[in-house]
Amino acid sequence: MIKNELPRVAIQGIRASFHEEAAFKFFGEKIITIECNSFKQTFEALQRQEADYIVMAIENSIAGSILPNYSLLMNYSFPVVGEVYVPIQLHLMALPGVKFENIKTVTSHPIAIRQCVDFFDEYPDLKIVESSDTAACAKRIRDEQLTDTVAIANSLAAQLYGLEIIERRIESNKKNYTRFLILTTHENAKKKPGNKASLCFQVSNEVGSLAKVLNIFAQENVNMSKIQSMPVLGKRNEYNFYVDIEWTETKYYDAAIRQILKYTHNFNILGEYERWEEETAVLLPKAQRPRKYITMKRIE
C-alpha cells in the first residue's frame, strides 16, 4: 500500500454486509471496499495487489467455525495481523409499506438463517431461500421491488438500500457475535508486539502426542483460546490443528514455541497480532476515520 493512500480492504459480499461492518469497525470507514463474490476471491485480490487487506469471518458464536476458510489460510499463507468481533444483530426488512401478512419468502445467507431458527419455527409457512450474502438479499429486494419477500440483514443494509425493518433482533441468541480475521501481504505486515497468535501444526498419530503440546502451553502460562482440527486432504488419520493462543508476556510465548517445535511437524505461525478489545487501536489513526462511505470496487 502506498503511503497516505486509503487502504483497500477486500470483503466477501457487497456494501453494507457484515464483512464491511467488520472492516469499518477495525479500520474506520475511510477505506476503499473491494467487493468479492467469494472468500477465495478476496485472497486472489490481495495476491494480485488489487487489495491491501482482507477481512474474513472465521467463526460465529452460534453457527461455529467456518471450516473452508481455515484451508484458505494455509493455501495462501498471508499473515494474520489482527482480529475483530462484531455483534450480529439480525433484522427482517422489506420495501416500505409491506405488511408482515403479505410475506411469502425470506432470503438471506444460510448462516444468518441458522441464527434465526427460533423465529422461523413460529412461521412454518414462510419459504426460506438461501443466498450468498445478507446485504445482497436486501439490495435485490430494492432493485426488483419485491413486495412478497423479506431479507435478513443488518441495519446498515436497511439504511443503504432504503428498506423498512419490520421485525428487529430476530436472532435466537442476543449475545451472538462473529469473529473476523484481518490479513495482509508479508510486505505490508508491520512487525509489532502482540499478545495473540494463530498457529497450525500436525502431530504424530500416537497416544498423547497432542496432549504434550497442550501441556506445554499450560506450563508456560500461555492460554489456548481455541483449537480446531481439519483432516489433511488425501491422508488418512492425519489432521491439521489450528490453535489460537494468548499470553501476557512475550517470553512465555517464545518459550512455548521453542518447546512445541520438538513435538510437531508442518508447524506454521499464521499470524502474531494484538488480541481484540473494544478499545484496541486500529491500523489507522482516529483522526483519519470519519463516519462516511468513501468508495468501493467490485471484483467479479
Protein backbone atom coordinates (compact mmCIF):
# COMPACT_ATOMS: atom_id res chain seq x y z
CA MET A 1 0.00 0.00 0.00
CA ILE A 2 1.39 3.40 -0.99
CA LYS A 3 1.79 5.70 1.98
CA ASN A 4 -1.10 8.13 2.58
CA GLU A 5 -3.45 6.26 0.24
CA LEU A 6 -6.70 4.85 1.58
CA PRO A 7 -6.40 1.16 2.46
CA ARG A 8 -8.16 -1.16 0.02
CA VAL A 9 -9.99 -3.83 2.00
CA ALA A 10 -11.31 -6.97 0.30
CA ILE A 11 -14.52 -8.44 1.72
CA GLN A 12 -16.78 -11.33 0.81
CA GLY A 13 -20.09 -9.80 -0.12
CA ILE A 14 -21.25 -6.33 -1.04
CA ARG A 15 -21.60 -2.92 0.50
CA ALA A 16 -23.37 -2.95 3.90
CA SER A 17 -22.61 -6.62 4.52
CA PHE A 18 -21.38 -7.77 7.92
CA HIS A 19 -17.89 -8.03 6.42
CA GLU A 20 -17.95 -4.35 5.56
CA GLU A 21 -19.27 -3.59 9.03
CA ALA A 22 -16.29 -5.53 10.45
CA ALA A 23 -13.90 -3.63 8.16
CA PHE A 24 -15.32 -0.31 9.37
CA LYS A 25 -15.01 -1.39 12.98
CA PHE A 26 -11.35 -2.33 12.56
CA PHE A 27 -10.07 0.31 10.13
CA GLY A 28 -12.63 3.08 10.42
CA GLU A 29 -14.82 3.98 7.45
CA LYS A 30 -12.21 5.85 5.43
CA ILE A 31 -11.39 2.81 3.31
CA ILE A 32 -11.92 1.53 -0.21
CA THR A 33 -14.10 -1.57 -0.05
CA ILE A 34 -13.23 -4.27 -2.58
CA GLU A 35 -16.37 -6.37 -3.08
CA CYS A 36 -15.76 -10.06 -3.86
CA ASN A 37 -18.16 -12.88 -4.64
CA SER A 38 -16.34 -15.47 -2.52
CA PHE A 39 -13.75 -15.78 0.22
CA LYS A 40 -11.29 -17.21 -2.30
CA GLN A 41 -11.68 -14.11 -4.45
CA THR A 42 -10.64 -11.92 -1.51
CA PHE A 43 -7.35 -13.82 -1.32
CA GLU A 44 -6.87 -13.57 -5.07
CA ALA A 45 -7.48 -9.82 -4.92
CA LEU A 46 -4.76 -9.50 -2.30
CA GLN A 47 -2.46 -11.75 -4.32
CA ARG A 48 -2.98 -9.62 -7.44
CA GLN A 49 -2.32 -6.46 -5.38
CA GLU A 50 -5.85 -5.23 -6.02
CA ALA A 51 -6.36 -5.05 -2.24
CA ASP A 52 -4.15 -4.26 0.74
CA TYR A 53 -6.08 -6.21 3.36
CA ILE A 54 -8.64 -8.97 3.70
CA VAL A 55 -11.41 -9.08 6.30
CA MET A 56 -12.63 -12.67 6.63
CA ALA A 57 -15.13 -14.28 9.00
CA ILE A 58 -13.66 -17.31 10.76
CA GLU A 59 -16.24 -18.27 13.40
CA ASN A 60 -19.66 -17.44 14.77
CA SER A 61 -20.75 -18.00 18.36
CA ILE A 62 -23.87 -19.89 17.21
CA ALA A 63 -23.01 -21.41 13.82
CA GLY A 64 -19.43 -22.33 14.81
CA SER A 65 -16.24 -22.30 12.73
CA ILE A 66 -16.26 -21.56 9.00
CA LEU A 67 -14.11 -24.55 8.11
CA PRO A 68 -13.28 -23.80 4.43
CA ASN A 69 -11.66 -20.54 5.49
CA TYR A 70 -9.04 -22.40 7.52
CA SER A 71 -7.92 -24.08 4.30
CA LEU A 72 -7.59 -20.68 2.64
CA LEU A 73 -5.30 -19.53 5.45
CA MET A 74 -2.92 -22.38 4.70
CA ASN A 75 -3.21 -22.35 0.91
CA TYR A 76 -2.37 -18.66 0.50
CA SER A 77 -0.07 -18.14 3.52
CA PHE A 78 -0.95 -14.48 4.05
CA PRO A 79 -0.24 -13.40 7.65
CA VAL A 80 -2.99 -12.63 10.12
CA VAL A 81 -2.37 -9.13 11.51
CA GLY A 82 -5.49 -8.59 13.56
CA GLU A 83 -8.98 -9.66 14.56
CA VAL A 84 -12.30 -8.00 15.27
CA TYR A 85 -15.50 -9.21 16.91
CA VAL A 86 -18.81 -7.89 15.61
CA PRO A 87 -22.12 -8.39 17.45
CA ILE A 88 -24.58 -9.89 14.99
CA GLN A 89 -27.94 -8.17 15.13
CA LEU A 90 -30.31 -9.53 12.50
CA HIS A 91 -33.43 -7.75 11.32
CA LEU A 92 -36.28 -8.65 8.99
CA MET A 93 -36.59 -5.94 6.31
CA ALA A 94 -38.84 -5.22 3.35
CA LEU A 95 -39.84 -2.46 0.97
CA PRO A 96 -41.56 0.43 2.76
CA GLY A 97 -45.24 -0.27 3.29
CA VAL A 98 -45.05 -4.05 3.00
CA LYS A 99 -47.02 -5.80 5.75
CA PHE A 100 -45.86 -8.93 7.51
CA GLU A 101 -49.01 -10.81 6.48
CA ASN A 102 -48.08 -10.30 2.80
CA ILE A 103 -44.71 -12.01 3.14
CA LYS A 104 -44.21 -15.36 1.43
CA THR A 105 -40.43 -15.66 1.13
CA VAL A 106 -37.47 -14.95 3.41
CA THR A 107 -33.98 -14.77 1.92
CA SER A 108 -30.53 -14.48 3.50
CA HIS A 109 -27.16 -16.14 3.95
CA PRO A 110 -27.51 -19.72 5.30
CA ILE A 111 -25.56 -18.89 8.46
CA ALA A 112 -27.83 -15.92 9.18
CA ILE A 113 -30.85 -18.15 8.64
CA ARG A 114 -29.47 -20.71 11.10
CA GLN A 115 -29.10 -17.96 13.66
CA CYS A 116 -32.85 -17.21 13.48
CA VAL A 117 -34.34 -20.71 13.73
CA ASP A 118 -36.49 -19.88 16.77
CA PHE A 119 -38.17 -17.06 14.87
CA PHE A 120 -38.93 -19.25 11.84
CA ASP A 121 -40.31 -22.04 14.00
CA GLU A 122 -43.21 -19.66 14.70
CA TYR A 123 -43.89 -19.14 10.98
CA PRO A 124 -43.54 -22.54 9.26
CA ASP A 125 -45.41 -21.39 6.12
CA LEU A 126 -42.66 -18.95 5.14
CA LYS A 127 -40.46 -20.14 2.28
CA ILE A 128 -36.77 -19.79 3.12
CA VAL A 129 -34.31 -19.13 0.27
CA GLU A 130 -30.56 -19.19 0.88
CA SER A 131 -28.25 -16.69 -0.78
CA SER A 132 -24.55 -15.84 -0.79
CA ASP A 133 -24.75 -12.57 1.14
CA THR A 134 -27.11 -10.84 3.55
CA ALA A 135 -26.70 -7.37 2.05
CA ALA A 136 -27.15 -8.73 -1.47
CA CYS A 137 -30.58 -10.02 -0.45
CA ALA A 138 -31.56 -6.57 0.76
CA LYS A 139 -30.27 -4.99 -2.46
CA ARG A 140 -32.23 -7.48 -4.60
CA ILE A 141 -35.48 -6.58 -2.84
CA ARG A 142 -34.80 -2.90 -3.58
CA ASP A 143 -33.67 -3.49 -7.18
CA GLU A 144 -36.52 -5.86 -8.14
CA GLN A 145 -39.14 -4.13 -5.96
CA LEU A 146 -40.19 -7.43 -4.38
CA THR A 147 -43.34 -6.96 -2.30
CA ASP A 148 -43.70 -10.54 -1.05
CA THR A 149 -40.08 -11.09 0.03
CA VAL A 150 -38.10 -10.00 3.07
CA ALA A 151 -34.39 -10.17 3.79
CA ILE A 152 -32.47 -10.91 6.97
CA ALA A 153 -29.62 -8.43 7.26
CA ASN A 154 -28.15 -5.70 9.44
CA SER A 155 -29.44 -2.17 9.94
CA LEU A 156 -26.68 -0.82 7.67
CA ALA A 157 -28.21 -2.73 4.74
CA ALA A 158 -31.71 -1.45 5.52
CA GLN A 159 -30.44 2.12 5.59
CA LEU A 160 -28.33 1.83 2.43
CA TYR A 161 -30.96 0.08 0.29
CA GLY A 162 -33.99 2.01 1.53
CA LEU A 163 -35.78 -0.87 3.26
CA GLU A 164 -38.00 -0.80 6.32
CA ILE A 165 -37.25 -3.01 9.30
CA ILE A 166 -40.47 -4.82 10.18
CA GLU A 167 -39.05 -7.15 12.87
CA ARG A 168 -35.96 -6.25 14.90
CA ARG A 169 -33.43 -8.55 16.55
CA ILE A 170 -34.82 -11.88 15.34
CA GLU A 171 -31.58 -13.75 16.08
CA SER A 172 -32.12 -16.60 18.55
CA ASN A 173 -29.21 -15.62 20.78
CA LYS A 174 -28.93 -11.93 21.60
CA LYS A 175 -25.25 -12.40 22.54
CA ASN A 176 -24.44 -13.64 19.05
CA TYR A 177 -21.15 -12.43 17.53
CA THR A 178 -18.82 -13.24 14.65
CA ARG A 179 -15.05 -13.16 14.78
CA PHE A 180 -13.25 -11.78 11.73
CA LEU A 181 -9.55 -12.06 10.88
CA ILE A 182 -7.53 -9.29 9.22
CA LEU A 183 -4.91 -10.45 6.72
CA THR A 184 -2.38 -8.71 4.51
CA THR A 185 0.76 -9.45 2.49
CA HIS A 186 4.08 -10.23 4.16
CA GLU A 187 5.47 -7.00 2.71
CA ASN A 188 2.65 -4.91 4.18
CA ALA A 189 2.65 -6.61 7.60
CA LYS A 190 4.29 -4.47 10.25
CA LYS A 191 6.16 -6.36 12.93
CA LYS A 192 4.95 -5.09 16.29
CA PRO A 193 4.46 -6.61 19.73
CA GLY A 194 1.32 -8.69 20.08
CA ASN A 195 -0.36 -10.84 22.69
CA LYS A 196 -2.12 -13.38 20.49
CA ALA A 197 -1.12 -15.80 17.72
CA SER A 198 -2.79 -18.22 15.34
CA LEU A 199 -0.85 -21.45 14.74
CA CYS A 200 -1.23 -24.51 12.55
CA PHE A 201 0.61 -27.80 13.06
CA GLN A 202 0.40 -31.57 12.89
CA VAL A 203 1.36 -34.15 15.48
CA SER A 204 2.18 -37.84 15.15
CA ASN A 205 -0.70 -40.32 15.35
CA GLU A 206 0.35 -41.68 18.73
CA VAL A 207 -1.14 -41.72 22.21
CA GLY A 208 -0.59 -38.41 23.98
CA SER A 209 1.01 -36.54 21.04
CA LEU A 210 -1.45 -33.63 21.12
CA ALA A 211 -1.57 -33.64 24.93
CA LYS A 212 2.17 -32.98 25.07
CA VAL A 213 1.74 -29.81 23.05
CA LEU A 214 -1.25 -28.59 25.06
CA ASN A 215 0.55 -29.24 28.34
CA ILE A 216 3.45 -27.05 27.19
CA PHE A 217 1.07 -24.11 26.74
CA ALA A 218 -0.19 -24.59 30.30
CA GLN A 219 3.29 -24.94 31.75
CA GLU A 220 4.46 -21.74 30.06
CA ASN A 221 1.46 -19.63 31.15
CA VAL A 222 0.10 -19.43 27.61
CA ASN A 223 -3.68 -19.55 27.28
CA MET A 224 -5.17 -21.57 24.43
CA SER A 225 -8.35 -19.74 23.43
CA LYS A 226 -9.32 -22.03 20.54
CA ILE A 227 -8.45 -25.33 18.89
CA GLN A 228 -9.85 -26.58 15.58
CA SER A 229 -8.92 -29.77 13.74
CA MET A 230 -9.16 -30.30 9.98
CA PRO A 231 -8.31 -33.51 8.09
CA VAL A 232 -5.22 -33.34 5.89
CA LEU A 233 -6.52 -33.81 2.35
CA GLY A 234 -5.75 -37.27 1.00
CA LYS A 235 -4.10 -38.55 4.16
CA ARG A 236 -5.90 -40.96 6.48
CA ASN A 237 -5.81 -40.21 10.23
CA GLU A 238 -3.75 -37.03 9.74
CA TYR A 239 -5.04 -33.68 10.90
CA ASN A 240 -4.05 -30.05 10.91
CA PHE A 241 -4.64 -28.42 14.28
CA TYR A 242 -5.44 -24.72 14.20
CA VAL A 243 -4.78 -23.15 17.58
CA ASP A 244 -5.20 -19.61 18.91
CA ILE A 245 -3.08 -18.74 21.92
CA GLU A 246 -2.73 -15.66 24.14
CA TRP A 247 -0.05 -14.53 26.58
CA THR A 248 0.71 -11.71 29.00
CA GLU A 249 4.49 -11.61 28.42
CA THR A 250 6.34 -12.39 25.19
CA LYS A 251 8.86 -14.58 27.00
CA TYR A 252 6.10 -17.09 27.81
CA TYR A 253 5.11 -17.29 24.14
CA ASP A 254 8.69 -17.65 22.94
CA ALA A 255 9.40 -20.43 25.43
CA ALA A 256 6.25 -22.32 24.43
CA ILE A 257 7.03 -22.12 20.71
CA ARG A 258 10.58 -23.39 21.21
CA GLN A 259 9.31 -26.43 23.06
CA ILE A 260 6.36 -27.41 20.89
CA LEU A 261 8.56 -27.44 17.79
CA LYS A 262 10.02 -30.67 19.19
CA TYR A 263 6.63 -32.40 19.13
CA THR A 264 5.05 -31.08 15.93
CA HIS A 265 5.64 -31.10 12.19
CA ASN A 266 4.47 -28.82 9.38
CA PHE A 267 4.40 -26.08 12.00
CA ASN A 268 3.20 -22.65 10.82
CA ILE A 269 2.67 -19.35 12.60
CA LEU A 270 -0.32 -17.94 10.71
CA GLY A 271 -0.01 -14.59 12.44
CA GLU A 272 1.00 -12.73 15.58
CA TYR A 273 -1.22 -9.80 16.49
CA GLU A 274 -2.98 -7.87 19.23
CA ARG A 275 -5.99 -9.54 20.84
CA TRP A 276 -9.17 -7.64 20.04
CA GLU A 277 -10.59 -5.38 22.70
CA GLU A 278 -13.18 -2.68 22.09
CA GLU A 279 -10.52 -0.06 22.84
CA THR A 280 -7.89 -1.76 20.65
CA ALA A 281 -6.20 0.74 18.34
CA VAL A 282 -6.93 0.10 14.69
CA LEU A 283 -4.42 0.40 11.85
CA LEU A 284 -5.45 3.97 11.07
CA PRO A 285 -5.29 6.94 13.46
CA LYS A 286 -8.70 8.04 14.73
CA ALA A 287 -8.26 11.39 13.01
CA GLN A 288 -8.34 9.59 9.67
CA ARG A 289 -11.57 7.69 10.40
CA PRO A 290 -14.63 9.85 9.62
CA ARG A 291 -18.05 8.18 9.64
CA LYS A 292 -18.89 8.06 5.94
CA TYR A 293 -18.57 5.80 2.93
CA ILE A 294 -15.66 6.64 0.67
CA THR A 295 -15.83 4.39 -2.38
CA MET A 296 -15.72 0.77 -3.36
CA LYS A 297 -14.70 -1.57 -6.17
CA ARG A 298 -16.16 -4.91 -7.16
CA ILE A 299 -14.12 -8.00 -8.08
CA GLU A 300 -16.06 -10.23 -10.48
